[in-house]
PDB file of N, CA and C in Angstrom:
ATOM      1  N   VAL A   1      73.357 105.193 175.450  1.00  0.00           N
ATOM      2  CA  VAL A   1      73.254 105.394 174.008  1.00  0.00           C
ATOM      3  C   VAL A   1      73.913 104.217 173.304  1.00  0.00           C
ATOM      4  N   GLN A   2      73.199 103.598 172.377  1.00  0.00           N
ATOM      5  CA  GLN A   2      73.776 102.555 171.545  1.00  0.00           C
ATOM      6  C   GLN A   2      74.020 103.128 170.156  1.00  0.00           C
ATOM      7  N   LEU A   3      75.209 102.862 169.622  1.00  0.00           N
ATOM      8  CA  LEU A   3      75.597 103.380 168.324  1.00  0.00           C
ATOM      9  C   LEU A   3      75.762 102.230 167.344  1.00  0.00           C
ATOM     10  N   GLN A   4      75.219 102.387 166.153  1.00  0.00           N
ATOM     11  CA  GLN A   4      75.296 101.359 165.121  1.00  0.00           C
ATOM     12  C   GLN A   4      75.921 101.966 163.876  1.00  0.00           C
ATOM     13  N   ALA A   5      77.135 101.527 163.575  1.00  0.00           N
ATOM     14  CA  ALA A   5      77.837 102.030 162.390  1.00  0.00           C
ATOM     15  C   ALA A   5      77.577 101.125 161.199  1.00  0.00           C
ATOM     16  N   SER A   6      77.526 101.740 160.025  1.00  0.00           N
ATOM     17  CA  SER A   6      77.321 100.981 158.796  1.00  0.00           C
ATOM     18  C   SER A   6      77.917 101.747 157.626  1.00  0.00           C
ATOM     19  N   GLY A   7      77.973 101.084 156.478  1.00  0.00           N
ATOM     20  CA  GLY A   7      78.411 101.748 155.261  1.00  0.00           C
ATOM     21  C   GLY A   7      79.794 101.366 154.785  1.00  0.00           C
ATOM     22  N   GLY A   8      80.508 100.579 155.564  1.00  0.00           N
ATOM     23  CA  GLY A   8      81.827 100.152 155.140  1.00  0.00           C
ATOM     24  C   GLY A   8      81.755  99.161 153.992  1.00  0.00           C
ATOM     25  N   GLY A   9      82.904  98.851 153.427  1.00  0.00           N
ATOM     26  CA  GLY A   9      82.955  97.901 152.338  1.00  0.00           C
ATOM     27  C   GLY A   9      84.281  97.960 151.614  1.00  0.00           C
ATOM     28  N   LEU A  10      84.311  97.318 150.463  1.00  0.00           N
ATOM     29  CA  LEU A  10      85.507  97.279 149.628  1.00  0.00           C
ATOM     30  C   LEU A  10      85.357  98.295 148.502  1.00  0.00           C
ATOM     31  N   VAL A  11      86.356  99.124 148.337  1.00  0.00           N
ATOM     32  CA  VAL A  11      86.313 100.147 147.300  1.00  0.00           C
ATOM     33  C   VAL A  11      87.700 100.292 146.691  1.00  0.00           C
ATOM     34  N   GLN A  12      87.753 100.670 145.433  1.00  0.00           N
ATOM     35  CA  GLN A  12      89.040 100.897 144.785  1.00  0.00           C
ATOM     36  C   GLN A  12      89.597 102.257 145.176  1.00  0.00           C
ATOM     37  N   ALA A  13      90.901 102.379 145.114  1.00  0.00           N
ATOM     38  CA  ALA A  13      91.542 103.657 145.390  1.00  0.00           C
ATOM     39  C   ALA A  13      90.944 104.737 144.486  1.00  0.00           C
ATOM     40  N   GLY A  14      90.689 105.890 145.071  1.00  0.00           N
ATOM     41  CA  GLY A  14      90.055 106.987 144.363  1.00  0.00           C
ATOM     42  C   GLY A  14      88.548 107.017 144.493  1.00  0.00           C
ATOM     43  N   GLY A  15      87.981 105.960 145.019  1.00  0.00           N
ATOM     44  CA  GLY A  15      86.538 105.877 145.176  1.00  0.00           C
ATOM     45  C   GLY A  15      86.052 106.557 146.440  1.00  0.00           C
ATOM     46  N   SER A  16      84.752 106.425 146.670  1.00  0.00           N
ATOM     47  CA  SER A  16      84.103 107.089 147.802  1.00  0.00           C
ATOM     48  C   SER A  16      83.221 106.112 148.571  1.00  0.00           C
ATOM     49  N   LEU A  17      83.047 106.407 149.833  1.00  0.00           N
ATOM     50  CA  LEU A  17      82.099 105.697 150.686  1.00  0.00           C
ATOM     51  C   LEU A  17      81.479 106.692 151.645  1.00  0.00           C
ATOM     52  N   ARG A  18      80.264 106.408 152.066  1.00  0.00           N
ATOM     53  CA  ARG A  18      79.641 107.197 153.126  1.00  0.00           C
ATOM     54  C   ARG A  18      79.296 106.273 154.281  1.00  0.00           C
ATOM     55  N   LEU A  19      79.861 106.562 155.422  1.00  0.00           N
ATOM     56  CA  LEU A  19      79.581 105.812 156.634  1.00  0.00           C
ATOM     57  C   LEU A  19      78.463 106.499 157.411  1.00  0.00           C
ATOM     58  N   SER A  20      77.682 105.696 158.099  1.00  0.00           N
ATOM     59  CA  SER A  20      76.615 106.220 158.949  1.00  0.00           C
ATOM     60  C   SER A  20      76.746 105.647 160.348  1.00  0.00           C
ATOM     61  N   CYS A  21      76.356 106.430 161.321  1.00  0.00           N
ATOM     62  CA  CYS A  21      76.357 105.988 162.713  1.00  0.00           C
ATOM     63  C   CYS A  21      75.035 106.433 163.318  1.00  0.00           C
ATOM     64  N   ALA A  22      74.163 105.480 163.565  1.00  0.00           N
ATOM     65  CA  ALA A  22      72.840 105.781 164.078  1.00  0.00           C
ATOM     66  C   ALA A  22      72.779 105.552 165.579  1.00  0.00           C
ATOM     67  N   ALA A  23      72.181 106.476 166.279  1.00  0.00           N
ATOM     68  CA  ALA A  23      71.998 106.362 167.719  1.00  0.00           C
ATOM     69  C   ALA A  23      70.613 105.805 168.003  1.00  0.00           C
ATOM     70  N   SER A  24      70.546 104.907 168.960  1.00  0.00           N
ATOM     71  CA  SER A  24      69.245 104.402 169.392  1.00  0.00           C
ATOM     72  C   SER A  24      68.960 104.935 170.788  1.00  0.00           C
ATOM     73  N   GLY A  25      67.767 105.317 171.002  1.00  0.00           N
ATOM     74  CA  GLY A  25      67.369 105.730 172.333  1.00  0.00           C
ATOM     75  C   GLY A  25      67.391 107.218 172.593  1.00  0.00           C
ATOM     76  N   ARG A  26      68.108 107.978 171.703  1.00  0.00           N
ATOM     77  CA  ARG A  26      68.135 109.428 171.892  1.00  0.00           C
ATOM     78  C   ARG A  26      68.696 110.086 170.659  1.00  0.00           C
ATOM     79  N   THR A  27      68.667 111.404 170.673  1.00  0.00           N
ATOM     80  CA  THR A  27      69.294 112.155 169.590  1.00  0.00           C
ATOM     81  C   THR A  27      70.662 112.652 170.058  1.00  0.00           C
ATOM     82  N   PHE A  28      71.414 113.199 169.117  1.00  0.00           N
ATOM     83  CA  PHE A  28      72.771 113.646 169.400  1.00  0.00           C
ATOM     84  C   PHE A  28      72.841 115.092 169.887  1.00  0.00           C
ATOM     85  N   GLY A  29      71.718 115.755 170.070  1.00  0.00           N
ATOM     86  CA  GLY A  29      71.669 117.208 170.244  1.00  0.00           C
ATOM     87  C   GLY A  29      72.762 117.802 171.112  1.00  0.00           C
ATOM     88  N   ASP A  30      73.012 117.253 172.292  1.00  0.00           N
ATOM     89  CA  ASP A  30      73.996 117.870 173.180  1.00  0.00           C
ATOM     90  C   ASP A  30      75.221 116.979 173.376  1.00  0.00           C
ATOM     91  N   TYR A  31      75.503 116.132 172.417  1.00  0.00           N
ATOM     92  CA  TYR A  31      76.669 115.265 172.448  1.00  0.00           C
ATOM     93  C   TYR A  31      77.738 115.768 171.476  1.00  0.00           C
ATOM     94  N   ALA A  32      78.970 115.547 171.826  1.00  0.00           N
ATOM     95  CA  ALA A  32      80.050 115.663 170.852  1.00  0.00           C
ATOM     96  C   ALA A  32      80.156 114.323 170.132  1.00  0.00           C
ATOM     97  N   THR A  33      80.345 114.348 168.840  1.00  0.00           N
ATOM     98  CA  THR A  33      80.394 113.108 168.077  1.00  0.00           C
ATOM     99  C   THR A  33      81.645 113.066 167.216  1.00  0.00           C
ATOM    100  N   GLY A  34      82.007 111.872 166.798  1.00  0.00           N
ATOM    101  CA  GLY A  34      83.196 111.774 165.968  1.00  0.00           C
ATOM    102  C   GLY A  34      83.398 110.403 165.388  1.00  0.00           C
ATOM    103  N   TRP A  35      84.361 110.331 164.496  1.00  0.00           N
ATOM    104  CA  TRP A  35      84.787 109.080 163.886  1.00  0.00           C
ATOM    105  C   TRP A  35      86.273 108.870 164.171  1.00  0.00           C
ATOM    106  N   PHE A  36      86.606 107.639 164.492  1.00  0.00           N
ATOM    107  CA  PHE A  36      87.980 107.213 164.671  1.00  0.00           C
ATOM    108  C   PHE A  36      88.199 106.006 163.770  1.00  0.00           C
ATOM    109  N   ARG A  37      89.453 105.630 163.596  1.00  0.00           N
ATOM    110  CA  ARG A  37      89.721 104.415 162.834  1.00  0.00           C
ATOM    111  C   ARG A  37      90.912 103.684 163.446  1.00  0.00           C
ATOM    112  N   GLN A  38      90.926 102.391 163.208  1.00  0.00           N
ATOM    113  CA  GLN A  38      92.036 101.577 163.707  1.00  0.00           C
ATOM    114  C   GLN A  38      92.396 100.544 162.664  1.00  0.00           C
ATOM    115  N   ALA A  39      93.604 100.635 162.183  1.00  0.00           N
ATOM    116  CA  ALA A  39      94.124  99.669 161.226  1.00  0.00           C
ATOM    117  C   ALA A  39      94.851  98.560 161.991  1.00  0.00           C
ATOM    118  N   PRO A  40      94.980  97.387 161.399  1.00  0.00           N
ATOM    119  CA  PRO A  40      95.659  96.275 162.084  1.00  0.00           C
ATOM    120  C   PRO A  40      97.062  96.662 162.519  1.00  0.00           C
ATOM    121  N   GLY A  41      97.359  96.415 163.788  1.00  0.00           N
ATOM    122  CA  GLY A  41      98.682  96.690 164.306  1.00  0.00           C
ATOM    123  C   GLY A  41      98.982  98.142 164.596  1.00  0.00           C
ATOM    124  N   LYS A  42      97.970  99.002 164.437  1.00  0.00           N
ATOM    125  CA  LYS A  42      98.176 100.429 164.664  1.00  0.00           C
ATOM    126  C   LYS A  42      97.262 100.930 165.770  1.00  0.00           C
ATOM    127  N   GLU A  43      97.618 102.100 166.312  1.00  0.00           N
ATOM    128  CA  GLU A  43      96.796 102.709 167.347  1.00  0.00           C
ATOM    129  C   GLU A  43      95.544 103.341 166.736  1.00  0.00           C
ATOM    130  N   ARG A  44      94.537 103.507 167.595  1.00  0.00           N
ATOM    131  CA  ARG A  44      93.329 104.176 167.148  1.00  0.00           C
ATOM    132  C   ARG A  44      93.655 105.627 166.794  1.00  0.00           C
ATOM    133  N   GLU A  45      93.088 106.077 165.700  1.00  0.00           N
ATOM    134  CA  GLU A  45      93.407 107.394 165.159  1.00  0.00           C
ATOM    135  C   GLU A  45      92.134 108.215 165.012  1.00  0.00           C
ATOM    136  N   PHE A  46      92.207 109.470 165.430  1.00  0.00           N
ATOM    137  CA  PHE A  46      91.075 110.379 165.253  1.00  0.00           C
ATOM    138  C   PHE A  46      90.950 110.740 163.774  1.00  0.00           C
ATOM    139  N   VAL A  47      89.704 110.706 163.269  1.00  0.00           N
ATOM    140  CA  VAL A  47      89.441 111.047 161.875  1.00  0.00           C
ATOM    141  C   VAL A  47      88.710 112.377 161.757  1.00  0.00           C
ATOM    142  N   ALA A  48      87.579 112.486 162.410  1.00  0.00           N
ATOM    143  CA  ALA A  48      86.763 113.707 162.283  1.00  0.00           C
ATOM    144  C   ALA A  48      85.810 113.804 163.463  1.00  0.00           C
ATOM    145  N   GLY A  49      85.402 115.038 163.802  1.00  0.00           N
ATOM    146  CA  GLY A  49      84.500 115.221 164.921  1.00  0.00           C
ATOM    147  C   GLY A  49      83.640 116.458 164.773  1.00  0.00           C
ATOM    148  N   ILE A  50      82.593 116.506 165.551  1.00  0.00           N
ATOM    149  CA  ILE A  50      81.732 117.683 165.650  1.00  0.00           C
ATOM    150  C   ILE A  50      81.630 118.019 167.131  1.00  0.00           C
ATOM    151  N   ARG A  51      81.908 119.274 167.440  1.00  0.00           N
ATOM    152  CA  ARG A  51      81.927 119.695 168.834  1.00  0.00           C
ATOM    153  C   ARG A  51      80.521 119.719 169.418  1.00  0.00           C
ATOM    154  N   ARG A  52      80.433 119.540 170.709  1.00  0.00           N
ATOM    155  CA  ARG A  52      79.159 119.533 171.421  1.00  0.00           C
ATOM    156  C   ARG A  52      78.426 120.842 171.211  1.00  0.00           C
ATOM    157  N   MET A  53      77.138 120.756 170.957  1.00  0.00           N
ATOM    158  CA  MET A  53      76.270 121.923 170.778  1.00  0.00           C
ATOM    159  C   MET A  53      76.761 122.830 169.654  1.00  0.00           C
ATOM    160  N   SER A  54      77.365 122.239 168.657  1.00  0.00           N
ATOM    161  CA  SER A  54      77.917 123.043 167.570  1.00  0.00           C
ATOM    162  C   SER A  54      77.848 122.258 166.280  1.00  0.00           C
ATOM    163  N   ASP A  55      77.767 122.946 165.172  1.00  0.00           N
ATOM    164  CA  ASP A  55      77.862 122.287 163.878  1.00  0.00           C
ATOM    165  C   ASP A  55      79.265 122.383 163.301  1.00  0.00           C
ATOM    166  N   SER A  56      80.204 122.808 164.126  1.00  0.00           N
ATOM    167  CA  SER A  56      81.550 123.035 163.624  1.00  0.00           C
ATOM    168  C   SER A  56      82.342 121.734 163.572  1.00  0.00           C
ATOM    169  N   PRO A  57      82.727 121.298 162.375  1.00  0.00           N
ATOM    170  CA  PRO A  57      83.503 120.069 162.271  1.00  0.00           C
ATOM    171  C   PRO A  57      84.997 120.326 162.404  1.00  0.00           C
ATOM    172  N   PHE A  58      85.728 119.313 162.756  1.00  0.00           N
ATOM    173  CA  PHE A  58      87.187 119.396 162.746  1.00  0.00           C
ATOM    174  C   PHE A  58      87.725 118.023 162.369  1.00  0.00           C
ATOM    175  N   TYR A  59      88.935 118.002 161.819  1.00  0.00           N
ATOM    176  CA  TYR A  59      89.445 116.811 161.163  1.00  0.00           C
ATOM    177  C   TYR A  59      90.870 116.492 161.585  1.00  0.00           C
ATOM    178  N   GLY A  60      91.168 115.205 161.570  1.00  0.00           N
ATOM    179  CA  GLY A  60      92.544 114.782 161.693  1.00  0.00           C
ATOM    180  C   GLY A  60      93.274 115.038 160.383  1.00  0.00           C
ATOM    181  N   ASP A  61      94.577 115.030 160.446  1.00  0.00           N
ATOM    182  CA  ASP A  61      95.368 115.369 159.265  1.00  0.00           C
ATOM    183  C   ASP A  61      95.073 114.453 158.083  1.00  0.00           C
ATOM    184  N   SER A  62      94.823 113.186 158.364  1.00  0.00           N
ATOM    185  CA  SER A  62      94.605 112.229 157.275  1.00  0.00           C
ATOM    186  C   SER A  62      93.287 112.469 156.546  1.00  0.00           C
ATOM    187  N   ALA A  63      92.373 113.175 157.174  1.00  0.00           N
ATOM    188  CA  ALA A  63      91.041 113.366 156.606  1.00  0.00           C
ATOM    189  C   ALA A  63      90.854 114.725 155.932  1.00  0.00           C
ATOM    190  N   LYS A  64      91.695 115.664 156.249  1.00  0.00           N
ATOM    191  CA  LYS A  64      91.506 117.024 155.746  1.00  0.00           C
ATOM    192  C   LYS A  64      91.506 117.062 154.218  1.00  0.00           C
ATOM    193  N   GLY A  65      90.483 117.707 153.679  1.00  0.00           N
ATOM    194  CA  GLY A  65      90.390 117.860 152.238  1.00  0.00           C
ATOM    195  C   GLY A  65      89.750 116.698 151.515  1.00  0.00           C
ATOM    196  N   ARG A  66      89.546 115.565 152.198  1.00  0.00           N
ATOM    197  CA  ARG A  66      88.970 114.386 151.542  1.00  0.00           C
ATOM    198  C   ARG A  66      87.699 113.893 152.213  1.00  0.00           C
ATOM    199  N   PHE A  67      87.612 114.044 153.524  1.00  0.00           N
ATOM    200  CA  PHE A  67      86.471 113.526 154.282  1.00  0.00           C
ATOM    201  C   PHE A  67      85.610 114.677 154.786  1.00  0.00           C
ATOM    202  N   THR A  68      84.303 114.398 154.918  1.00  0.00           N
ATOM    203  CA  THR A  68      83.377 115.386 155.450  1.00  0.00           C
ATOM    204  C   THR A  68      82.476 114.716 156.474  1.00  0.00           C
ATOM    205  N   ILE A  69      82.442 115.271 157.671  1.00  0.00           N
ATOM    206  CA  ILE A  69      81.552 114.768 158.711  1.00  0.00           C
ATOM    207  C   ILE A  69      80.321 115.661 158.771  1.00  0.00           C
ATOM    208  N   SER A  70      79.168 115.051 158.950  1.00  0.00           N
ATOM    209  CA  SER A  70      77.935 115.800 159.113  1.00  0.00           C
ATOM    210  C   SER A  70      77.046 115.043 160.093  1.00  0.00           C
ATOM    211  N   GLN A  71      76.028 115.739 160.553  1.00  0.00           N
ATOM    212  CA  GLN A  71      75.204 115.144 161.615  1.00  0.00           C
ATOM    213  C   GLN A  71      73.754 115.513 161.465  1.00  0.00           C
ATOM    214  N   GLY A  72      72.876 114.525 161.553  1.00  0.00           N
ATOM    215  CA  GLY A  72      71.454 114.756 161.648  1.00  0.00           C
ATOM    216  C   GLY A  72      71.030 114.603 163.086  1.00  0.00           C
ATOM    217  N   ALA A  73      69.741 114.508 163.326  1.00  0.00           N
ATOM    218  CA  ALA A  73      69.240 114.441 164.693  1.00  0.00           C
ATOM    219  C   ALA A  73      69.767 113.216 165.432  1.00  0.00           C
ATOM    220  N   ASP A  74      69.809 112.088 164.753  1.00  0.00           N
ATOM    221  CA  ASP A  74      70.234 110.868 165.430  1.00  0.00           C
ATOM    222  C   ASP A  74      71.217 110.044 164.606  1.00  0.00           C
ATOM    223  N   THR A  75      71.826 110.648 163.615  1.00  0.00           N
ATOM    224  CA  THR A  75      72.785 109.930 162.780  1.00  0.00           C
ATOM    225  C   THR A  75      73.969 110.844 162.460  1.00  0.00           C
ATOM    226  N   VAL A  76      75.154 110.286 162.539  1.00  0.00           N
ATOM    227  CA  VAL A  76      76.371 110.998 162.147  1.00  0.00           C
ATOM    228  C   VAL A  76      76.916 110.319 160.902  1.00  0.00           C
ATOM    229  N   TYR A  77      77.323 111.123 159.934  1.00  0.00           N
ATOM    230  CA  TYR A  77      77.805 110.607 158.667  1.00  0.00           C
ATOM    231  C   TYR A  77      79.272 110.964 158.475  1.00  0.00           C
ATOM    232  N   LEU A  78      79.949 110.116 157.720  1.00  0.00           N
ATOM    233  CA  LEU A  78      81.304 110.434 157.284  1.00  0.00           C
ATOM    234  C   LEU A  78      81.389 110.122 155.802  1.00  0.00           C
ATOM    235  N   LEU A  79      81.467 111.165 155.002  1.00  0.00           N
ATOM    236  CA  LEU A  79      81.638 111.011 153.560  1.00  0.00           C
ATOM    237  C   LEU A  79      83.127 111.006 153.272  1.00  0.00           C
ATOM    238  N   MET A  80      83.578 109.949 152.652  1.00  0.00           N
ATOM    239  CA  MET A  80      85.005 109.790 152.376  1.00  0.00           C
ATOM    240  C   MET A  80      85.218 109.753 150.862  1.00  0.00           C
ATOM    241  N   ASN A  81      85.952 110.714 150.370  1.00  0.00           N
ATOM    242  CA  ASN A  81      86.272 110.801 148.945  1.00  0.00           C
ATOM    243  C   ASN A  81      87.754 110.543 148.713  1.00  0.00           C
ATOM    244  N   ASN A  82      88.074 110.213 147.469  1.00  0.00           N
ATOM    245  CA  ASN A  82      89.466 109.987 147.079  1.00  0.00           C
ATOM    246  C   ASN A  82      90.161 109.041 148.067  1.00  0.00           C
ATOM    247  N   LEU A  83      89.545 107.909 148.290  1.00  0.00           N
ATOM    248  CA  LEU A  83      90.086 106.968 149.272  1.00  0.00           C
ATOM    249  C   LEU A  83      91.409 106.388 148.796  1.00  0.00           C
ATOM    250  N   LYS A  84      92.265 106.120 149.762  1.00  0.00           N
ATOM    251  CA  LYS A  84      93.589 105.585 149.507  1.00  0.00           C
ATOM    252  C   LYS A  84      93.750 104.262 150.235  1.00  0.00           C
ATOM    253  N   PRO A  85      94.646 103.398 149.772  1.00  0.00           N
ATOM    254  CA  PRO A  85      94.854 102.124 150.480  1.00  0.00           C
ATOM    255  C   PRO A  85      95.178 102.308 151.961  1.00  0.00           C
ATOM    256  N   GLU A  86      95.844 103.392 152.302  1.00  0.00           N
ATOM    257  CA  GLU A  86      96.186 103.619 153.714  1.00  0.00           C
ATOM    258  C   GLU A  86      94.985 104.031 154.559  1.00  0.00           C
ATOM    259  N   ASP A  87      93.838 104.232 153.922  1.00  0.00           N
ATOM    260  CA  ASP A  87      92.598 104.489 154.672  1.00  0.00           C
ATOM    261  C   ASP A  87      91.943 103.199 155.148  1.00  0.00           C
ATOM    262  N   THR A  88      92.478 102.065 154.736  1.00  0.00           N
ATOM    263  CA  THR A  88      91.931 100.783 155.158  1.00  0.00           C
ATOM    264  C   THR A  88      92.011 100.647 156.673  1.00  0.00           C
ATOM    265  N   ALA A  89      90.852 100.402 157.296  1.00  0.00           N
ATOM    266  CA  ALA A  89      90.780 100.321 158.754  1.00  0.00           C
ATOM    267  C   ALA A  89      89.346  99.985 159.165  1.00  0.00           C
ATOM    268  N   VAL A  90      89.187  99.666 160.422  1.00  0.00           N
ATOM    269  CA  VAL A  90      87.861  99.635 161.034  1.00  0.00           C
ATOM    270  C   VAL A  90      87.548 101.046 161.517  1.00  0.00           C
ATOM    271  N   TYR A  91      86.420 101.551 161.077  1.00  0.00           N
ATOM    272  CA  TYR A  91      86.004 102.908 161.437  1.00  0.00           C
ATOM    273  C   TYR A  91      84.961 102.815 162.554  1.00  0.00           C
ATOM    274  N   LEU A  92      85.206 103.579 163.605  1.00  0.00           N
ATOM    275  CA  LEU A  92      84.347 103.533 164.785  1.00  0.00           C
ATOM    276  C   LEU A  92      83.754 104.911 165.051  1.00  0.00           C
ATOM    277  N   CYS A  93      82.477 104.931 165.366  1.00  0.00           N
ATOM    278  CA  CYS A  93      81.863 106.196 165.727  1.00  0.00           C
ATOM    279  C   CYS A  93      81.828 106.337 167.242  1.00  0.00           C
ATOM    280  N   ASN A  94      81.790 107.578 167.663  1.00  0.00           N
ATOM    281  CA  ASN A  94      81.910 107.893 169.083  1.00  0.00           C
ATOM    282  C   ASN A  94      80.966 109.039 169.436  1.00  0.00           C
ATOM    283  N   ALA A  95      80.396 108.981 170.613  1.00  0.00           N
ATOM    284  CA  ALA A  95      79.573 110.073 171.132  1.00  0.00           C
ATOM    285  C   ALA A  95      79.955 110.302 172.585  1.00  0.00           C
ATOM    286  N   ARG A  96      80.100 111.571 172.952  1.00  0.00           N
ATOM    287  CA  ARG A  96      80.560 111.900 174.307  1.00  0.00           C
ATOM    288  C   ARG A  96      79.690 112.992 174.894  1.00  0.00           C
ATOM    289  N   HIS A  97      79.421 112.825 176.203  1.00  0.00           N
ATOM    290  CA  HIS A  97      78.680 113.851 176.934  1.00  0.00           C
ATOM    291  C   HIS A  97      79.140 113.797 178.369  1.00  0.00           C
ATOM    292  N   GLY A  98      79.831 114.808 178.807  1.00  0.00           N
ATOM    293  CA  GLY A  98      80.389 114.803 180.154  1.00  0.00           C
ATOM    294  C   GLY A  98      81.356 113.640 180.317  1.00  0.00           C
ATOM    295  N   ALA A  99      81.139 112.830 181.329  1.00  0.00           N
ATOM    296  CA  ALA A  99      82.009 111.685 181.590  1.00  0.00           C
ATOM    297  C   ALA A  99      81.584 110.446 180.803  1.00  0.00           C
ATOM    298  N   SER A 100      80.498 110.541 180.075  1.00  0.00           N
ATOM    299  CA  SER A 100      79.990 109.397 179.325  1.00  0.00           C
ATOM    300  C   SER A 100      80.617 109.364 177.942  1.00  0.00           C
ATOM    301  N   ASN A 101      81.064 108.180 177.560  1.00  0.00           N
ATOM    302  CA  ASN A 101      81.770 107.999 176.294  1.00  0.00           C
ATOM    303  C   ASN A 101      81.259 106.718 175.643  1.00  0.00           C
ATOM    304  N   TYR A 102      80.661 106.841 174.476  1.00  0.00           N
ATOM    305  CA  TYR A 102      80.017 105.706 173.835  1.00  0.00           C
ATOM    306  C   TYR A 102      80.701 105.403 172.505  1.00  0.00           C
ATOM    307  N   TRP A 103      80.816 104.093 172.203  1.00  0.00           N
ATOM    308  CA  TRP A 103      81.427 103.646 170.954  1.00  0.00           C
ATOM    309  C   TRP A 103      80.483 102.711 170.207  1.00  0.00           C
ATOM    310  N   GLY A 104      80.473 102.839 168.895  1.00  0.00           N
ATOM    311  CA  GLY A 104      79.800 101.869 168.064  1.00  0.00           C
ATOM    312  C   GLY A 104      80.706 100.669 167.834  1.00  0.00           C
ATOM    313  N   GLN A 105      80.199  99.672 167.121  1.00  0.00           N
ATOM    314  CA  GLN A 105      80.931  98.424 166.948  1.00  0.00           C
ATOM    315  C   GLN A 105      81.967  98.487 165.831  1.00  0.00           C
ATOM    316  N   GLY A 106      81.911  99.509 165.013  1.00  0.00           N
ATOM    317  CA  GLY A 106      82.883  99.640 163.929  1.00  0.00           C
ATOM    318  C   GLY A 106      82.377  99.056 162.621  1.00  0.00           C
ATOM    319  N   THR A 107      82.864  99.657 161.545  1.00  0.00           N
ATOM    320  CA  THR A 107      82.556  99.152 160.215  1.00  0.00           C
ATOM    321  C   THR A 107      83.860  99.131 159.417  1.00  0.00           C
ATOM    322  N   LEU A 108      84.113  98.045 158.702  1.00  0.00           N
ATOM    323  CA  LEU A 108      85.378  97.845 158.022  1.00  0.00           C
ATOM    324  C   LEU A 108      85.383  98.510 156.656  1.00  0.00           C
ATOM    325  N   VAL A 109      86.398  99.303 156.416  1.00  0.00           N
ATOM    326  CA  VAL A 109      86.630  99.913 155.114  1.00  0.00           C
ATOM    327  C   VAL A 109      87.926  99.339 154.554  1.00  0.00           C
ATOM    328  N   THR A 110      87.838  98.793 153.350  1.00  0.00           N
ATOM    329  CA  THR A 110      89.006  98.238 152.686  1.00  0.00           C
ATOM    330  C   THR A 110      89.171  98.932 151.338  1.00  0.00           C
ATOM    331  N   VAL A 111      90.328  99.534 151.138  1.00  0.00           N
ATOM    332  CA  VAL A 111      90.602 100.254 149.895  1.00  0.00           C
ATOM    333  C   VAL A 111      91.677  99.494 149.134  1.00  0.00           C
ATOM    334  N   SER A 112      91.332  99.048 147.950  1.00  0.00           N
ATOM    335  CA  SER A 112      92.280  98.298 147.135  1.00  0.00           C
ATOM    336  C   SER A 112      93.033  99.235 146.186  1.00  0.00           C
ATOM    337  N   SER A 113      94.267  98.885 145.910  1.00  0.00           N
ATOM    338  CA  SER A 113      95.090  99.736 145.038  1.00  0.00           C
ATOM    339  C   SER A 113      94.927  99.352 143.578  1.00  0.00           C
TER     340      SER A 113
END
């Protein structure tokens, strides 16, 4: 599975962005999917995910109440509202099935104060 993330950019604090992660070669039907982020000098952090074979989303603490993850047949979205400067990071999408773990190339989100 190849994942292509897009939708990042520069936004002012309080603004919104929607990230997309498109899969090539298959649909997400039986995969667990998610978004992670990594800021310079920091460890990779879980942002949001959807459990395998389920529409049930779950969120990291930094995303609760502001971000919404959703999924179509072959695309995973992350709607980010009320963005803060501390949300600045490279956002990476992920898909997992059994022992297989796939990552997209990341899309940069920069939030200015």
